Amino acid sequence: MLAKEAKEEIIAKFGGSEANTGSTQVQIALLTARINDLQGHFKANPKDHASRRGLLQMVGQRRRLLRYLSKNDIDAYRTLIAELGIRK
């Protein structure tokens, strides 16, 4: 789970303001932070398949949001994936 301060920082960075929590960029950034946070958990607990299912659901949700963003605003998509370090 992300700390409240970390969430607020991500929202301010990608949303423009702290009230803009529903934008696609903010949602993708928050999912990416949670996915990266879980990677350490799976190194310590390789047999935790229930949490792995949740991770795969988050990855799928992020993939759908990225597809939506690439169709609607390709420039924002390119800058976001460059900042987050995802995709090729």
N, C-alpha and C. Protein backbone atom coordinates (compact mmCIF):
# COMPACT_ATOMS: atom_id res chain seq x y z
N MET A 1 0.84 -1.17 0.00
CA MET A 1 0.00 0.00 0.00
C MET A 1 0.88 1.24 0.00
N LEU A 2 0.47 2.23 -0.73
CA LEU A 2 1.22 3.47 -0.80
C LEU A 2 0.88 4.37 0.39
N ALA A 3 1.88 5.09 0.86
CA ALA A 3 1.65 6.04 1.93
C ALA A 3 0.86 7.24 1.40
N LYS A 4 0.18 7.91 2.28
CA LYS A 4 -0.66 9.04 1.88
C LYS A 4 0.17 10.13 1.22
N GLU A 5 1.36 10.36 1.75
CA GLU A 5 2.22 11.41 1.20
C GLU A 5 2.68 11.05 -0.21
N ALA A 6 2.98 9.76 -0.42
CA ALA A 6 3.42 9.32 -1.75
C ALA A 6 2.29 9.47 -2.76
N LYS A 7 1.07 9.14 -2.35
CA LYS A 7 -0.08 9.30 -3.24
C LYS A 7 -0.29 10.76 -3.60
N GLU A 8 -0.23 11.63 -2.59
CA GLU A 8 -0.42 13.05 -2.84
C GLU A 8 0.63 13.60 -3.77
N GLU A 9 1.86 13.13 -3.63
CA GLU A 9 2.95 13.57 -4.49
C GLU A 9 2.71 13.14 -5.94
N ILE A 10 2.27 11.91 -6.12
CA ILE A 10 1.99 11.40 -7.47
C ILE A 10 0.83 12.17 -8.09
N ILE A 11 -0.21 12.42 -7.30
CA ILE A 11 -1.37 13.15 -7.81
C ILE A 11 -0.99 14.56 -8.21
N ALA A 12 -0.17 15.22 -7.39
CA ALA A 12 0.25 16.58 -7.71
C ALA A 12 1.15 16.60 -8.95
N LYS A 13 1.98 15.59 -9.10
CA LYS A 13 2.91 15.57 -10.23
C LYS A 13 2.20 15.30 -11.55
N PHE A 14 1.29 14.33 -11.58
CA PHE A 14 0.69 13.91 -12.84
C PHE A 14 -0.70 14.51 -13.07
N GLY A 15 -1.34 15.03 -12.03
CA GLY A 15 -2.68 15.55 -12.19
C GLY A 15 -2.74 17.06 -12.34
N GLY A 16 -1.67 17.74 -12.02
CA GLY A 16 -1.68 19.18 -12.09
C GLY A 16 -2.11 19.83 -10.80
N SER A 17 -3.14 19.29 -10.16
CA SER A 17 -3.58 19.78 -8.85
C SER A 17 -3.95 18.58 -8.00
N GLU A 18 -4.09 18.82 -6.72
CA GLU A 18 -4.39 17.71 -5.81
C GLU A 18 -5.83 17.25 -5.92
N ALA A 19 -6.70 18.05 -6.56
CA ALA A 19 -8.09 17.67 -6.70
C ALA A 19 -8.32 16.80 -7.94
N ASN A 20 -7.35 16.75 -8.83
CA ASN A 20 -7.50 16.03 -10.09
C ASN A 20 -7.03 14.58 -9.93
N THR A 21 -7.80 13.79 -9.18
CA THR A 21 -7.39 12.42 -8.90
C THR A 21 -7.92 11.43 -9.92
N GLY A 22 -8.86 11.82 -10.75
CA GLY A 22 -9.49 10.88 -11.67
C GLY A 22 -8.92 10.89 -13.06
N SER A 23 -7.94 11.73 -13.34
CA SER A 23 -7.41 11.78 -14.70
C SER A 23 -6.69 10.48 -15.03
N THR A 24 -6.64 10.18 -16.28
CA THR A 24 -6.05 8.92 -16.73
C THR A 24 -4.58 8.84 -16.34
N GLN A 25 -3.86 9.94 -16.47
CA GLN A 25 -2.44 9.94 -16.14
C GLN A 25 -2.22 9.63 -14.67
N VAL A 26 -3.04 10.19 -13.79
CA VAL A 26 -2.91 9.94 -12.36
C VAL A 26 -3.21 8.48 -12.04
N GLN A 27 -4.26 7.94 -12.64
CA GLN A 27 -4.61 6.55 -12.39
C GLN A 27 -3.50 5.61 -12.83
N ILE A 28 -2.91 5.88 -14.00
CA ILE A 28 -1.82 5.03 -14.49
C ILE A 28 -0.60 5.15 -13.58
N ALA A 29 -0.30 6.36 -13.14
CA ALA A 29 0.86 6.56 -12.26
C ALA A 29 0.66 5.86 -10.92
N LEU A 30 -0.54 5.92 -10.36
CA LEU A 30 -0.80 5.25 -9.09
C LEU A 30 -0.72 3.73 -9.24
N LEU A 31 -1.28 3.20 -10.33
CA LEU A 31 -1.19 1.76 -10.56
C LEU A 31 0.26 1.32 -10.73
N THR A 32 1.04 2.12 -11.44
CA THR A 32 2.45 1.79 -11.64
C THR A 32 3.20 1.77 -10.31
N ALA A 33 2.91 2.73 -9.45
CA ALA A 33 3.56 2.76 -8.13
C ALA A 33 3.18 1.54 -7.31
N ARG A 34 1.90 1.15 -7.34
CA ARG A 34 1.48 -0.04 -6.59
C ARG A 34 2.09 -1.31 -7.16
N ILE A 35 2.17 -1.40 -8.49
CA ILE A 35 2.78 -2.57 -9.12
C ILE A 35 4.25 -2.67 -8.75
N ASN A 36 4.96 -1.56 -8.81
CA ASN A 36 6.38 -1.58 -8.45
C ASN A 36 6.58 -1.90 -6.97
N ASP A 37 5.66 -1.46 -6.13
CA ASP A 37 5.74 -1.72 -4.71
C ASP A 37 5.56 -3.22 -4.41
N LEU A 38 4.71 -3.88 -5.18
CA LEU A 38 4.44 -5.30 -4.95
C LEU A 38 5.57 -6.21 -5.41
N GLN A 39 6.46 -5.72 -6.24
CA GLN A 39 7.53 -6.57 -6.76
C GLN A 39 8.43 -7.09 -5.64
N GLY A 40 8.70 -6.26 -4.65
CA GLY A 40 9.50 -6.71 -3.51
C GLY A 40 8.79 -7.77 -2.70
N HIS A 41 7.47 -7.64 -2.60
CA HIS A 41 6.69 -8.63 -1.86
C HIS A 41 6.80 -10.00 -2.53
N PHE A 42 6.78 -10.04 -3.85
CA PHE A 42 6.82 -11.32 -4.54
C PHE A 42 8.21 -11.94 -4.54
N LYS A 43 9.25 -11.13 -4.37
CA LYS A 43 10.58 -11.70 -4.21
C LYS A 43 10.71 -12.41 -2.86
N ALA A 44 10.05 -11.86 -1.85
CA ALA A 44 10.09 -12.46 -0.52
C ALA A 44 9.08 -13.59 -0.37
N ASN A 45 7.98 -13.53 -1.12
CA ASN A 45 6.90 -14.53 -1.01
C ASN A 45 6.55 -15.07 -2.39
N PRO A 46 7.35 -15.94 -2.94
CA PRO A 46 7.11 -16.40 -4.32
C PRO A 46 5.87 -17.27 -4.48
N LYS A 47 5.33 -17.81 -3.40
CA LYS A 47 4.18 -18.71 -3.51
C LYS A 47 2.85 -18.01 -3.21
N ASP A 48 2.86 -16.72 -3.12
CA ASP A 48 1.65 -15.96 -2.82
C ASP A 48 0.84 -15.74 -4.10
N HIS A 49 0.08 -16.76 -4.47
CA HIS A 49 -0.63 -16.72 -5.75
C HIS A 49 -1.88 -15.85 -5.68
N ALA A 50 -2.47 -15.70 -4.52
CA ALA A 50 -3.66 -14.86 -4.39
C ALA A 50 -3.31 -13.40 -4.66
N SER A 51 -2.19 -12.95 -4.13
CA SER A 51 -1.77 -11.58 -4.39
C SER A 51 -1.29 -11.42 -5.82
N ARG A 52 -0.75 -12.46 -6.39
CA ARG A 52 -0.30 -12.40 -7.78
C ARG A 52 -1.48 -12.16 -8.71
N ARG A 53 -2.64 -12.75 -8.38
CA ARG A 53 -3.84 -12.52 -9.18
C ARG A 53 -4.23 -11.04 -9.14
N GLY A 54 -4.15 -10.44 -7.95
CA GLY A 54 -4.44 -9.01 -7.83
C GLY A 54 -3.46 -8.17 -8.62
N LEU A 55 -2.20 -8.58 -8.62
CA LEU A 55 -1.19 -7.87 -9.40
C LEU A 55 -1.53 -7.94 -10.89
N LEU A 56 -1.91 -9.11 -11.36
CA LEU A 56 -2.25 -9.26 -12.78
C LEU A 56 -3.48 -8.43 -13.13
N GLN A 57 -4.42 -8.31 -12.21
CA GLN A 57 -5.58 -7.45 -12.46
C GLN A 57 -5.16 -5.98 -12.57
N MET A 58 -4.24 -5.56 -11.72
CA MET A 58 -3.75 -4.18 -11.79
C MET A 58 -3.01 -3.93 -13.09
N VAL A 59 -2.20 -4.89 -13.52
CA VAL A 59 -1.48 -4.75 -14.78
C VAL A 59 -2.46 -4.64 -15.95
N GLY A 60 -3.51 -5.45 -15.92
CA GLY A 60 -4.52 -5.38 -16.97
C GLY A 60 -5.26 -4.06 -16.98
N GLN A 61 -5.59 -3.55 -15.81
CA GLN A 61 -6.26 -2.25 -15.72
C GLN A 61 -5.36 -1.15 -16.26
N ARG A 62 -4.07 -1.20 -15.91
CA ARG A 62 -3.13 -0.20 -16.41
C ARG A 62 -3.00 -0.29 -17.92
N ARG A 63 -3.00 -1.51 -18.45
CA ARG A 63 -2.91 -1.70 -19.90
C ARG A 63 -4.11 -1.09 -20.61
N ARG A 64 -5.31 -1.27 -20.04
CA ARG A 64 -6.51 -0.69 -20.64
C ARG A 64 -6.47 0.84 -20.58
N LEU A 65 -6.02 1.39 -19.46
CA LEU A 65 -5.92 2.85 -19.35
C LEU A 65 -4.89 3.41 -20.32
N LEU A 66 -3.77 2.70 -20.49
CA LEU A 66 -2.76 3.15 -21.44
C LEU A 66 -3.29 3.11 -22.87
N ARG A 67 -4.07 2.08 -23.20
CA ARG A 67 -4.65 2.00 -24.53
C ARG A 67 -5.61 3.16 -24.77
N TYR A 68 -6.43 3.48 -23.76
CA TYR A 68 -7.36 4.60 -23.85
C TYR A 68 -6.60 5.91 -24.06
N LEU A 69 -5.55 6.12 -23.29
CA LEU A 69 -4.78 7.35 -23.39
C LEU A 69 -4.09 7.46 -24.74
N SER A 70 -3.58 6.34 -25.27
CA SER A 70 -2.89 6.40 -26.56
C SER A 70 -3.86 6.72 -27.69
N LYS A 71 -5.11 6.29 -27.57
CA LYS A 71 -6.10 6.58 -28.61
C LYS A 71 -6.57 8.03 -28.55
N ASN A 72 -6.64 8.60 -27.35
CA ASN A 72 -7.21 9.94 -27.20
C ASN A 72 -6.19 11.07 -27.15
N ASP A 73 -5.00 10.81 -26.62
CA ASP A 73 -3.99 11.87 -26.50
C ASP A 73 -2.61 11.24 -26.60
N ILE A 74 -2.11 11.08 -27.81
CA ILE A 74 -0.85 10.36 -28.04
C ILE A 74 0.34 11.09 -27.42
N ASP A 75 0.31 12.42 -27.40
CA ASP A 75 1.43 13.17 -26.81
C ASP A 75 1.52 12.93 -25.30
N ALA A 76 0.38 12.97 -24.63
CA ALA A 76 0.36 12.72 -23.18
C ALA A 76 0.79 11.28 -22.91
N TYR A 77 0.39 10.36 -23.76
CA TYR A 77 0.78 8.95 -23.62
C TYR A 77 2.30 8.80 -23.69
N ARG A 78 2.90 9.43 -24.68
CA ARG A 78 4.36 9.32 -24.86
C ARG A 78 5.12 9.93 -23.70
N THR A 79 4.68 11.08 -23.22
CA THR A 79 5.39 11.70 -22.09
C THR A 79 5.21 10.88 -20.81
N LEU A 80 4.02 10.31 -20.63
CA LEU A 80 3.75 9.52 -19.42
C LEU A 80 4.60 8.25 -19.38
N ILE A 81 4.67 7.53 -20.48
CA ILE A 81 5.46 6.29 -20.45
C ILE A 81 6.94 6.59 -20.33
N ALA A 82 7.37 7.75 -20.83
CA ALA A 82 8.78 8.13 -20.66
C ALA A 82 9.08 8.46 -19.21
N GLU A 83 8.16 9.16 -18.54
CA GLU A 83 8.37 9.54 -17.14
C GLU A 83 8.31 8.34 -16.21
N LEU A 84 7.38 7.41 -16.49
CA LEU A 84 7.21 6.26 -15.60
C LEU A 84 8.18 5.14 -15.92
N GLY A 85 8.76 5.15 -17.09
CA GLY A 85 9.71 4.10 -17.45
C GLY A 85 9.03 2.78 -17.77
N ILE A 86 7.83 2.84 -18.35
CA ILE A 86 7.15 1.62 -18.74
C ILE A 86 7.13 1.53 -20.25
N ARG A 87 6.86 0.36 -20.75
CA ARG A 87 6.84 0.04 -22.16
C ARG A 87 8.25 0.04 -22.72
N LYS A 88 8.36 -0.21 -23.98
CA LYS A 88 9.68 -0.33 -24.61
C LYS A 88 10.24 1.01 -25.01
